[in-house]
Amino acid sequence: MNSPESSISLCRNCRYYLPEGRRGGQCQKLNVSVKSQWNACSLSDSPFLLPWNGLGDIIIWQQKALEVQGSVEANAFRKVSPSQEVSQPVPMMLSSATSSRRV
């Protein structure tokens, strides 16, 4: 018996089905042995659905990413006064043609 919103018709198409051997398998939801060709129960679920319990974490992660992006952009265009500039030498890369010449 399938739930009205489930399109899973057989146990082998359920996300909780774990194949074992040639024809049988294990239902991880009910923790029982099942046959792959059996009609799916009302607890069947599509193997392609994402669990909804992590959706809140995804939304929070996106909000934090936008906050970081905004602060980086704000700091990138901030004007630096001459007293705030760092007076350290900038390392320079030598090209291979320059470094191979000997004086």
PDB file of N, CA and C in Angstrom:
ATOM      1  N   MET A   1       0.840  -1.167   0.000  1.00  0.00           N
ATOM      2  CA  MET A   1       0.000   0.000   0.000  1.00  0.00           C
ATOM      3  C   MET A   1       0.896   1.245   0.000  1.00  0.00           C
ATOM      4  N   ASN A   2       0.731   2.103  -0.969  1.00  0.00           N
ATOM      5  CA  ASN A   2       1.550   3.307  -1.091  1.00  0.00           C
ATOM      6  C   ASN A   2       0.851   4.502  -0.475  1.00  0.00           C
ATOM      7  N   SER A   3       1.642   5.440  -0.017  1.00  0.00           N
ATOM      8  CA  SER A   3       1.061   6.700   0.430  1.00  0.00           C
ATOM      9  C   SER A   3       0.625   7.468  -0.811  1.00  0.00           C
ATOM     10  N   PRO A   4      -0.382   8.344  -0.713  1.00  0.00           N
ATOM     11  CA  PRO A   4      -0.910   9.030  -1.889  1.00  0.00           C
ATOM     12  C   PRO A   4       0.134   9.864  -2.620  1.00  0.00           C
ATOM     13  N   GLU A   5       1.092  10.438  -1.909  1.00  0.00           N
ATOM     14  CA  GLU A   5       2.059  11.306  -2.560  1.00  0.00           C
ATOM     15  C   GLU A   5       3.298  10.567  -3.045  1.00  0.00           C
ATOM     16  N   SER A   6       3.417   9.281  -2.743  1.00  0.00           N
ATOM     17  CA  SER A   6       4.584   8.503  -3.137  1.00  0.00           C
ATOM     18  C   SER A   6       4.377   7.894  -4.512  1.00  0.00           C
ATOM     19  N   SER A   7       5.405   7.969  -5.353  1.00  0.00           N
ATOM     20  CA  SER A   7       5.329   7.352  -6.671  1.00  0.00           C
ATOM     21  C   SER A   7       6.141   6.062  -6.712  1.00  0.00           C
ATOM     22  N   ILE A   8       6.609   5.603  -5.576  1.00  0.00           N
ATOM     23  CA  ILE A   8       7.398   4.382  -5.490  1.00  0.00           C
ATOM     24  C   ILE A   8       6.437   3.197  -5.482  1.00  0.00           C
ATOM     25  N   SER A   9       6.610   2.269  -6.422  1.00  0.00           N
ATOM     26  CA  SER A   9       5.690   1.136  -6.507  1.00  0.00           C
ATOM     27  C   SER A   9       6.289  -0.157  -5.964  1.00  0.00           C
ATOM     28  N   LEU A  10       7.614  -0.290  -5.980  1.00  0.00           N
ATOM     29  CA  LEU A  10       8.269  -1.508  -5.519  1.00  0.00           C
ATOM     30  C   LEU A  10       9.317  -1.182  -4.458  1.00  0.00           C
ATOM     31  N   CYS A  11       9.587  -2.165  -3.616  1.00  0.00           N
ATOM     32  CA  CYS A  11      10.598  -1.974  -2.561  1.00  0.00           C
ATOM     33  C   CYS A  11      11.955  -1.596  -3.140  1.00  0.00           C
ATOM     34  N   ARG A  12      12.323  -2.183  -4.282  1.00  0.00           N
ATOM     35  CA  ARG A  12      13.652  -1.916  -4.846  1.00  0.00           C
ATOM     36  C   ARG A  12      13.824  -0.469  -5.297  1.00  0.00           C
ATOM     37  N   ASN A  13      12.731   0.274  -5.451  1.00  0.00           N
ATOM     38  CA  ASN A  13      12.810   1.676  -5.862  1.00  0.00           C
ATOM     39  C   ASN A  13      12.784   2.643  -4.687  1.00  0.00           C
ATOM     40  N   CYS A  14      12.711   2.118  -3.488  1.00  0.00           N
ATOM     41  CA  CYS A  14      12.628   2.951  -2.285  1.00  0.00           C
ATOM     42  C   CYS A  14      14.028   3.355  -1.825  1.00  0.00           C
ATOM     43  N   ARG A  15      14.153   4.510  -1.217  1.00  0.00           N
ATOM     44  CA  ARG A  15      15.450   4.983  -0.729  1.00  0.00           C
ATOM     45  C   ARG A  15      15.959   4.160   0.438  1.00  0.00           C
ATOM     46  N   TYR A  16      15.088   3.465   1.135  1.00  0.00           N
ATOM     47  CA  TYR A  16      15.483   2.680   2.302  1.00  0.00           C
ATOM     48  C   TYR A  16      15.843   1.237   1.955  1.00  0.00           C
ATOM     49  N   TYR A  17      15.712   0.857   0.686  1.00  0.00           N
ATOM     50  CA  TYR A  17      15.995  -0.515   0.270  1.00  0.00           C
ATOM     51  C   TYR A  17      17.501  -0.691   0.068  1.00  0.00           C
ATOM     52  N   LEU A  18      18.063  -1.721   0.693  1.00  0.00           N
ATOM     53  CA  LEU A  18      19.478  -2.051   0.555  1.00  0.00           C
ATOM     54  C   LEU A  18      19.568  -3.467  -0.006  1.00  0.00           C
ATOM     55  N   PRO A  19      20.017  -3.617  -1.274  1.00  0.00           N
ATOM     56  CA  PRO A  19      20.053  -4.952  -1.870  1.00  0.00           C
ATOM     57  C   PRO A  19      21.041  -5.873  -1.155  1.00  0.00           C
ATOM     58  N   GLU A  20      20.623  -7.114  -0.988  1.00  0.00           N
ATOM     59  CA  GLU A  20      21.473  -8.156  -0.406  1.00  0.00           C
ATOM     60  C   GLU A  20      21.217  -9.431  -1.185  1.00  0.00           C
ATOM     61  N   GLY A  21      22.225  -9.990  -1.782  1.00  0.00           N
ATOM     62  CA  GLY A  21      22.044 -11.221  -2.536  1.00  0.00           C
ATOM     63  C   GLY A  21      21.455 -10.972  -3.906  1.00  0.00           C
ATOM     64  N   ARG A  22      20.779 -12.004  -4.449  1.00  0.00           N
ATOM     65  CA  ARG A  22      20.274 -11.913  -5.823  1.00  0.00           C
ATOM     66  C   ARG A  22      18.913 -11.244  -5.936  1.00  0.00           C
ATOM     67  N   ARG A  23      17.980 -11.587  -5.071  1.00  0.00           N
ATOM     68  CA  ARG A  23      16.612 -11.079  -5.230  1.00  0.00           C
ATOM     69  C   ARG A  23      16.094 -10.320  -4.026  1.00  0.00           C
ATOM     70  N   GLY A  24      16.735 -10.462  -2.919  1.00  0.00           N
ATOM     71  CA  GLY A  24      16.214  -9.864  -1.697  1.00  0.00           C
ATOM     72  C   GLY A  24      16.988  -8.635  -1.278  1.00  0.00           C
ATOM     73  N   GLY A  25      16.595  -8.111  -0.154  1.00  0.00           N
ATOM     74  CA  GLY A  25      17.259  -6.939   0.369  1.00  0.00           C
ATOM     75  C   GLY A  25      16.800  -6.643   1.778  1.00  0.00           C
ATOM     76  N   GLN A  26      17.213  -5.510   2.262  1.00  0.00           N
ATOM     77  CA  GLN A  26      16.906  -5.102   3.626  1.00  0.00           C
ATOM     78  C   GLN A  26      16.227  -3.738   3.581  1.00  0.00           C
ATOM     79  N   CYS A  27      15.131  -3.608   4.313  1.00  0.00           N
ATOM     80  CA  CYS A  27      14.483  -2.304   4.470  1.00  0.00           C
ATOM     81  C   CYS A  27      15.138  -1.629   5.665  1.00  0.00           C
ATOM     82  N   GLN A  28      15.845  -0.538   5.410  1.00  0.00           N
ATOM     83  CA  GLN A  28      16.547   0.159   6.486  1.00  0.00           C
ATOM     84  C   GLN A  28      15.592   0.939   7.378  1.00  0.00           C
ATOM     85  N   LYS A  29      14.432   1.261   6.885  1.00  0.00           N
ATOM     86  CA  LYS A  29      13.438   1.986   7.681  1.00  0.00           C
ATOM     87  C   LYS A  29      12.786   1.068   8.717  1.00  0.00           C
ATOM     88  N   LEU A  30      12.405  -0.143   8.278  1.00  0.00           N
ATOM     89  CA  LEU A  30      11.727  -1.087   9.167  1.00  0.00           C
ATOM     90  C   LEU A  30      12.681  -2.117   9.770  1.00  0.00           C
ATOM     91  N   ASN A  31      13.907  -2.167   9.241  1.00  0.00           N
ATOM     92  CA  ASN A  31      14.919  -3.119   9.692  1.00  0.00           C
ATOM     93  C   ASN A  31      14.426  -4.567   9.551  1.00  0.00           C
ATOM     94  N   VAL A  32      13.883  -4.882   8.367  1.00  0.00           N
ATOM     95  CA  VAL A  32      13.392  -6.229   8.064  1.00  0.00           C
ATOM     96  C   VAL A  32      13.872  -6.637   6.671  1.00  0.00           C
ATOM     97  N   SER A  33      13.867  -7.946   6.413  1.00  0.00           N
ATOM     98  CA  SER A  33      14.196  -8.460   5.082  1.00  0.00           C
ATOM     99  C   SER A  33      12.993  -8.286   4.167  1.00  0.00           C
ATOM    100  N   VAL A  34      13.243  -7.896   2.933  1.00  0.00           N
ATOM    101  CA  VAL A  34      12.176  -7.704   1.944  1.00  0.00           C
ATOM    102  C   VAL A  34      12.638  -8.268   0.607  1.00  0.00           C
ATOM    103  N   LYS A  35      11.698  -8.496  -0.279  1.00  0.00           N
ATOM    104  CA  LYS A  35      11.993  -8.907  -1.651  1.00  0.00           C
ATOM    105  C   LYS A  35      11.909  -7.664  -2.530  1.00  0.00           C
ATOM    106  N   SER A  36      12.783  -7.586  -3.517  1.00  0.00           N
ATOM    107  CA  SER A  36      12.833  -6.388  -4.360  1.00  0.00           C
ATOM    108  C   SER A  36      11.554  -6.175  -5.155  1.00  0.00           C
ATOM    109  N   GLN A  37      10.837  -7.252  -5.497  1.00  0.00           N
ATOM    110  CA  GLN A  37       9.629  -7.123  -6.317  1.00  0.00           C
ATOM    111  C   GLN A  37       8.360  -6.897  -5.503  1.00  0.00           C
ATOM    112  N   TRP A  38       8.457  -6.837  -4.188  1.00  0.00           N
ATOM    113  CA  TRP A  38       7.281  -6.587  -3.353  1.00  0.00           C
ATOM    114  C   TRP A  38       6.766  -5.171  -3.582  1.00  0.00           C
ATOM    115  N   ASN A  39       5.458  -5.000  -3.398  1.00  0.00           N
ATOM    116  CA  ASN A  39       4.880  -3.658  -3.457  1.00  0.00           C
ATOM    117  C   ASN A  39       5.423  -2.834  -2.300  1.00  0.00           C
ATOM    118  N   ALA A  40       5.695  -1.593  -2.572  1.00  0.00           N
ATOM    119  CA  ALA A  40       6.257  -0.717  -1.545  1.00  0.00           C
ATOM    120  C   ALA A  40       5.210  -0.390  -0.487  1.00  0.00           C
ATOM    121  N   CYS A  41       5.665  -0.172   0.724  1.00  0.00           N
ATOM    122  CA  CYS A  41       4.755   0.152   1.826  1.00  0.00           C
ATOM    123  C   CYS A  41       4.466   1.653   1.861  1.00  0.00           C
ATOM    124  N   SER A  42       3.675   2.080   2.812  1.00  0.00           N
ATOM    125  CA  SER A  42       3.309   3.494   2.927  1.00  0.00           C
ATOM    126  C   SER A  42       4.472   4.359   3.414  1.00  0.00           C
ATOM    127  N   LEU A  43       5.542   3.743   3.887  1.00  0.00           N
ATOM    128  CA  LEU A  43       6.711   4.498   4.348  1.00  0.00           C
ATOM    129  C   LEU A  43       7.741   4.714   3.251  1.00  0.00           C
ATOM    130  N   SER A  44       7.454   4.240   2.039  1.00  0.00           N
ATOM    131  CA  SER A  44       8.424   4.344   0.945  1.00  0.00           C
ATOM    132  C   SER A  44       8.695   5.807   0.611  1.00  0.00           C
ATOM    133  N   ASP A  45       9.900   6.035   0.138  1.00  0.00           N
ATOM    134  CA  ASP A  45      10.328   7.394  -0.174  1.00  0.00           C
ATOM    135  C   ASP A  45      11.232   7.344  -1.398  1.00  0.00           C
ATOM    136  N   SER A  46      11.205   8.386  -2.198  1.00  0.00           N
ATOM    137  CA  SER A  46      12.016   8.447  -3.406  1.00  0.00           C
ATOM    138  C   SER A  46      13.501   8.485  -3.057  1.00  0.00           C
ATOM    139  N   PRO A  47      14.334   7.786  -3.823  1.00  0.00           N
ATOM    140  CA  PRO A  47      15.769   7.815  -3.537  1.00  0.00           C
ATOM    141  C   PRO A  47      16.415   9.145  -3.902  1.00  0.00           C
ATOM    142  N   PHE A  48      15.699  10.020  -4.604  1.00  0.00           N
ATOM    143  CA  PHE A  48      16.269  11.275  -5.058  1.00  0.00           C
ATOM    144  C   PHE A  48      15.882  12.475  -4.205  1.00  0.00           C
ATOM    145  N   LEU A  49      15.079  12.274  -3.177  1.00  0.00           N
ATOM    146  CA  LEU A  49      14.688  13.379  -2.310  1.00  0.00           C
ATOM    147  C   LEU A  49      15.780  13.657  -1.293  1.00  0.00           C
ATOM    148  N   LEU A  50      15.981  14.919  -0.999  1.00  0.00           N
ATOM    149  CA  LEU A  50      16.936  15.305   0.036  1.00  0.00           C
ATOM    150  C   LEU A  50      16.236  15.332   1.383  1.00  0.00           C
ATOM    151  N   PRO A  51      16.927  14.992   2.431  1.00  0.00           N
ATOM    152  CA  PRO A  51      16.308  15.109   3.754  1.00  0.00           C
ATOM    153  C   PRO A  51      16.090  16.584   4.095  1.00  0.00           C
ATOM    154  N   TRP A  52      14.922  16.904   4.634  1.00  0.00           N
ATOM    155  CA  TRP A  52      14.566  18.294   4.917  1.00  0.00           C
ATOM    156  C   TRP A  52      15.179  18.826   6.194  1.00  0.00           C
ATOM    157  N   ASN A  53      15.740  17.964   7.039  1.00  0.00           N
ATOM    158  CA  ASN A  53      16.278  18.459   8.298  1.00  0.00           C
ATOM    159  C   ASN A  53      17.519  19.321   8.096  1.00  0.00           C
ATOM    160  N   GLY A  54      18.180  19.259   6.965  1.00  0.00           N
ATOM    161  CA  GLY A  54      19.364  20.072   6.716  1.00  0.00           C
ATOM    162  C   GLY A  54      19.063  21.367   5.988  1.00  0.00           C
ATOM    163  N   LEU A  55      17.802  21.609   5.648  1.00  0.00           N
ATOM    164  CA  LEU A  55      17.446  22.796   4.885  1.00  0.00           C
ATOM    165  C   LEU A  55      17.737  24.075   5.656  1.00  0.00           C
ATOM    166  N   GLY A  56      17.485  24.080   6.946  1.00  0.00           N
ATOM    167  CA  GLY A  56      17.773  25.264   7.758  1.00  0.00           C
ATOM    168  C   GLY A  56      19.251  25.594   7.772  1.00  0.00           C
ATOM    169  N   ASP A  57      20.095  24.561   7.805  1.00  0.00           N
ATOM    170  CA  ASP A  57      21.540  24.776   7.771  1.00  0.00           C
ATOM    171  C   ASP A  57      21.978  25.403   6.461  1.00  0.00           C
ATOM    172  N   ILE A  58      21.359  24.984   5.355  1.00  0.00           N
ATOM    173  CA  ILE A  58      21.708  25.539   4.050  1.00  0.00           C
ATOM    174  C   ILE A  58      21.345  27.016   3.990  1.00  0.00           C
ATOM    175  N   ILE A  59      20.184  27.378   4.498  1.00  0.00           N
ATOM    176  CA  ILE A  59      19.753  28.778   4.480  1.00  0.00           C
ATOM    177  C   ILE A  59      20.680  29.629   5.333  1.00  0.00           C
ATOM    178  N   ILE A  60      21.041  29.141   6.508  1.00  0.00           N
ATOM    179  CA  ILE A  60      21.959  29.881   7.381  1.00  0.00           C
ATOM    180  C   ILE A  60      23.314  30.032   6.713  1.00  0.00           C
ATOM    181  N   TRP A  61      23.801  28.965   6.057  1.00  0.00           N
ATOM    182  CA  TRP A  61      25.089  29.017   5.377  1.00  0.00           C
ATOM    183  C   TRP A  61      25.071  30.070   4.270  1.00  0.00           C
ATOM    184  N   GLN A  62      23.975  30.146   3.500  1.00  0.00           N
ATOM    185  CA  GLN A  62      23.872  31.131   2.432  1.00  0.00           C
ATOM    186  C   GLN A  62      23.865  32.549   2.997  1.00  0.00           C
ATOM    187  N   GLN A  63      23.165  32.762   4.114  1.00  0.00           N
ATOM    188  CA  GLN A  63      23.134  34.084   4.729  1.00  0.00           C
ATOM    189  C   GLN A  63      24.522  34.498   5.200  1.00  0.00           C
ATOM    190  N   LYS A  64      25.254  33.571   5.812  1.00  0.00           N
ATOM    191  CA  LYS A  64      26.609  33.877   6.271  1.00  0.00           C
ATOM    192  C   LYS A  64      27.530  34.178   5.094  1.00  0.00           C
ATOM    193  N   ALA A  65      27.376  33.438   4.001  1.00  0.00           N
ATOM    194  CA  ALA A  65      28.200  33.675   2.817  1.00  0.00           C
ATOM    195  C   ALA A  65      27.937  35.067   2.250  1.00  0.00           C
ATOM    196  N   LEU A  66      26.675  35.492   2.228  1.00  0.00           N
ATOM    197  CA  LEU A  66      26.353  36.831   1.738  1.00  0.00           C
ATOM    198  C   LEU A  66      26.906  37.912   2.657  1.00  0.00           C
ATOM    199  N   GLU A  67      26.881  37.674   3.970  1.00  0.00           N
ATOM    200  CA  GLU A  67      27.443  38.640   4.914  1.00  0.00           C
ATOM    201  C   GLU A  67      28.945  38.788   4.707  1.00  0.00           C
ATOM    202  N   VAL A  68      29.637  37.686   4.529  1.00  0.00           N
ATOM    203  CA  VAL A  68      31.085  37.723   4.310  1.00  0.00           C
ATOM    204  C   VAL A  68      31.399  38.429   3.004  1.00  0.00           C
ATOM    205  N   GLN A  69      30.627  38.126   1.966  1.00  0.00           N
ATOM    206  CA  GLN A  69      30.845  38.762   0.676  1.00  0.00           C
ATOM    207  C   GLN A  69      30.655  40.276   0.787  1.00  0.00           C
ATOM    208  N   GLY A  70      29.627  40.700   1.503  1.00  0.00           N
ATOM    209  CA  GLY A  70      29.386  42.130   1.678  1.00  0.00           C
ATOM    210  C   GLY A  70      30.500  42.813   2.443  1.00  0.00           C
ATOM    211  N   SER A  71      31.022  42.173   3.483  1.00  0.00           N
ATOM    212  CA  SER A  71      32.100  42.794   4.252  1.00  0.00           C
ATOM    213  C   SER A  71      33.393  42.835   3.452  1.00  0.00           C
ATOM    214  N   VAL A  72      33.646  41.828   2.627  1.00  0.00           N
ATOM    215  CA  VAL A  72      34.848  41.827   1.788  1.00  0.00           C
ATOM    216  C   VAL A  72      34.760  42.942   0.762  1.00  0.00           C
ATOM    217  N   GLU A  73      33.594  43.091   0.142  1.00  0.00           N
ATOM    218  CA  GLU A  73      33.428  44.156  -0.845  1.00  0.00           C
ATOM    219  C   GLU A  73      33.544  45.529  -0.191  1.00  0.00           C
ATOM    220  N   ALA A  74      33.014  45.680   1.004  1.00  0.00           N
ATOM    221  CA  ALA A  74      33.101  46.965   1.697  1.00  0.00           C
ATOM    222  C   ALA A  74      34.550  47.300   2.033  1.00  0.00           C
ATOM    223  N   ASN A  75      35.318  46.324   2.457  1.00  0.00           N
ATOM    224  CA  ASN A  75      36.719  46.560   2.800  1.00  0.00           C
ATOM    225  C   ASN A  75      37.598  46.729   1.572  1.00  0.00           C
ATOM    226  N   ALA A  76      37.211  46.183   0.442  1.00  0.00           N
ATOM    227  CA  ALA A  76      38.018  46.287  -0.766  1.00  0.00           C
ATOM    228  C   ALA A  76      38.027  47.712  -1.305  1.00  0.00           C
ATOM    229  N   PHE A  77      36.946  48.435  -1.115  1.00  0.00           N
ATOM    230  CA  PHE A  77      36.855  49.786  -1.650  1.00  0.00           C
ATOM    231  C   PHE A  77      37.069  50.858  -0.585  1.00  0.00           C
ATOM    232  N   ARG A  78      37.496  50.448   0.592  1.00  0.00           N
ATOM    233  CA  ARG A  78      37.754  51.392   1.668  1.00  0.00           C
ATOM    234  C   ARG A  78      39.033  52.165   1.357  1.00  0.00           C
ATOM    235  N   LYS A  79      39.011  53.471   1.557  1.00  0.00           N
ATOM    236  CA  LYS A  79      40.193  54.284   1.298  1.00  0.00           C
ATOM    237  C   LYS A  79      41.161  54.150   2.461  1.00  0.00           C
ATOM    238  N   VAL A  80      42.431  54.027   2.129  1.00  0.00           N
ATOM    239  CA  VAL A  80      43.475  53.884   3.135  1.00  0.00           C
ATOM    240  C   VAL A  80      44.269  55.180   3.171  1.00  0.00           C
ATOM    241  N   SER A  81      44.417  55.732   4.358  1.00  0.00           N
ATOM    242  CA  SER A  81      45.201  56.959   4.495  1.00  0.00           C
ATOM    243  C   SER A  81      46.687  56.602   4.438  1.00  0.00           C
ATOM    244  N   PRO A  82      47.556  57.553   4.106  1.00  0.00           N
ATOM    245  CA  PRO A  82      48.992  57.264   4.022  1.00  0.00           C
ATOM    246  C   PRO A  82      49.571  56.731   5.334  1.00  0.00           C
ATOM    247  N   SER A  83      49.015  57.123   6.473  1.00  0.00           N
ATOM    248  CA  SER A  83      49.545  56.628   7.744  1.00  0.00           C
ATOM    249  C   SER A  83      49.176  55.163   7.978  1.00  0.00           C
ATOM    250  N   GLN A  84      48.139  54.672   7.312  1.00  0.00           N
ATOM    251  CA  GLN A  84      47.717  53.288   7.472  1.00  0.00           C
ATOM    252  C   GLN A  84      48.408  52.335   6.502  1.00  0.00           C
ATOM    253  N   GLU A  85      49.070  52.882   5.490  1.00  0.00           N
ATOM    254  CA  GLU A  85      49.714  52.031   4.504  1.00  0.00           C
ATOM    255  C   GLU A  85      50.870  51.272   5.134  1.00  0.00           C
ATOM    256  N   VAL A  86      51.075  50.094   4.685  1.00  0.00           N
ATOM    257  CA  VAL A  86      52.176  49.274   5.175  1.00  0.00           C
ATOM    258  C   VAL A  86      53.381  49.538   4.290  1.00  0.00           C
ATOM    259  N   SER A  87      54.499  49.845   4.904  1.00  0.00           N
ATOM    260  CA  SER A  87      55.696  50.154   4.124  1.00  0.00           C
ATOM    261  C   SER A  87      56.636  48.953   4.124  1.00  0.00           C
ATOM    262  N   GLN A  88      56.177  47.867   3.567  1.00  0.00           N
ATOM    263  CA  GLN A  88      57.013  46.684   3.434  1.00  0.00           C
ATOM    264  C   GLN A  88      57.321  46.487   1.961  1.00  0.00           C
ATOM    265  N   PRO A  89      58.502  45.955   1.673  1.00  0.00           N
ATOM    266  CA  PRO A  89      58.835  45.735   0.264  1.00  0.00           C
ATOM    267  C   PRO A  89      57.944  44.655  -0.343  1.00  0.00           C
ATOM    268  N   VAL A  90      57.637  44.832  -1.601  1.00  0.00           N
ATOM    269  CA  VAL A  90      56.812  43.875  -2.321  1.00  0.00           C
ATOM    270  C   VAL A  90      57.740  42.890  -3.024  1.00  0.00           C
ATOM    271  N   PRO A  91      57.592  41.584  -2.802  1.00  0.00           N
ATOM    272  CA  PRO A  91      58.467  40.624  -3.480  1.00  0.00           C
ATOM    273  C   PRO A  91      58.205  40.626  -4.978  1.00  0.00           C
ATOM    274  N   MET A  92      59.277  40.519  -5.754  1.00  0.00           N
ATOM    275  CA  MET A  92      59.156  40.537  -7.209  1.00  0.00           C
ATOM    276  C   MET A  92      59.581  39.190  -7.762  1.00  0.00           C
ATOM    277  N   MET A  93      58.891  38.752  -8.764  1.00  0.00           N
ATOM    278  CA  MET A  93      59.219  37.500  -9.429  1.00  0.00           C
ATOM    279  C   MET A  93      60.148  37.805 -10.594  1.00  0.00           C
ATOM    280  N   LEU A  94      61.204  37.043 -10.715  1.00  0.00           N
ATOM    281  CA  LEU A  94      62.111  37.196 -11.845  1.00  0.00           C
ATOM    282  C   LEU A  94      61.703  36.216 -12.930  1.00  0.00           C
ATOM    283  N   SER A  95      61.747  36.684 -14.156  1.00  0.00           N
ATOM    284  CA  SER A  95      61.427  35.767 -15.248  1.00  0.00           C
ATOM    285  C   SER A  95      62.595  34.822 -15.463  1.00  0.00           C
ATOM    286  N   SER A  96      62.374  33.720 -16.131  1.00  0.00           N
ATOM    287  CA  SER A  96      63.433  32.733 -16.344  1.00  0.00           C
ATOM    288  C   SER A  96      64.538  33.286 -17.233  1.00  0.00           C
ATOM    289  N   ALA A  97      64.210  34.199 -18.152  1.00  0.00           N
ATOM    290  CA  ALA A  97      65.230  34.791 -19.025  1.00  0.00           C
ATOM    291  C   ALA A  97      66.162  35.678 -18.213  1.00  0.00           C
ATOM    292  N   THR A  98      65.628  36.417 -17.253  1.00  0.00           N
ATOM    293  CA  THR A  98      66.437  37.313 -16.437  1.00  0.00           C
ATOM    294  C   THR A  98      67.307  36.524 -15.474  1.00  0.00           C
ATOM    295  N   SER A  99      66.777  35.474 -14.887  1.00  0.00           N
ATOM    296  CA  SER A  99      67.519  34.730 -13.881  1.00  0.00           C
ATOM    297  C   SER A  99      68.584  33.829 -14.494  1.00  0.00           C
ATOM    298  N   SER A 100      68.489  33.502 -15.788  1.00  0.00           N
ATOM    299  CA  SER A 100      69.476  32.614 -16.394  1.00  0.00           C
ATOM    300  C   SER A 100      70.725  33.358 -16.845  1.00  0.00           C
ATOM    301  N   ARG A 101      70.647  34.688 -16.987  1.00  0.00           N
ATOM    302  CA  ARG A 101      71.819  35.465 -17.392  1.00  0.00           C
ATOM    303  C   ARG A 101      72.774  35.621 -16.231  1.00  0.00           C
ATOM    304  N   ARG A 102      74.036  35.504 -16.518  1.00  0.00           N
ATOM    305  CA  ARG A 102      75.062  35.698 -15.491  1.00  0.00           C
ATOM    306  C   ARG A 102      75.865  36.940 -15.832  1.00  0.00           C
ATOM    307  N   VAL A 103      76.262  37.673 -14.832  1.00  0.00           N
ATOM    308  CA  VAL A 103      77.020  38.914 -15.054  1.00  0.00           C
ATOM    309  C   VAL A 103      78.489  38.629 -14.960  1.00  0.00           C
TER     310      VAL A 103
END
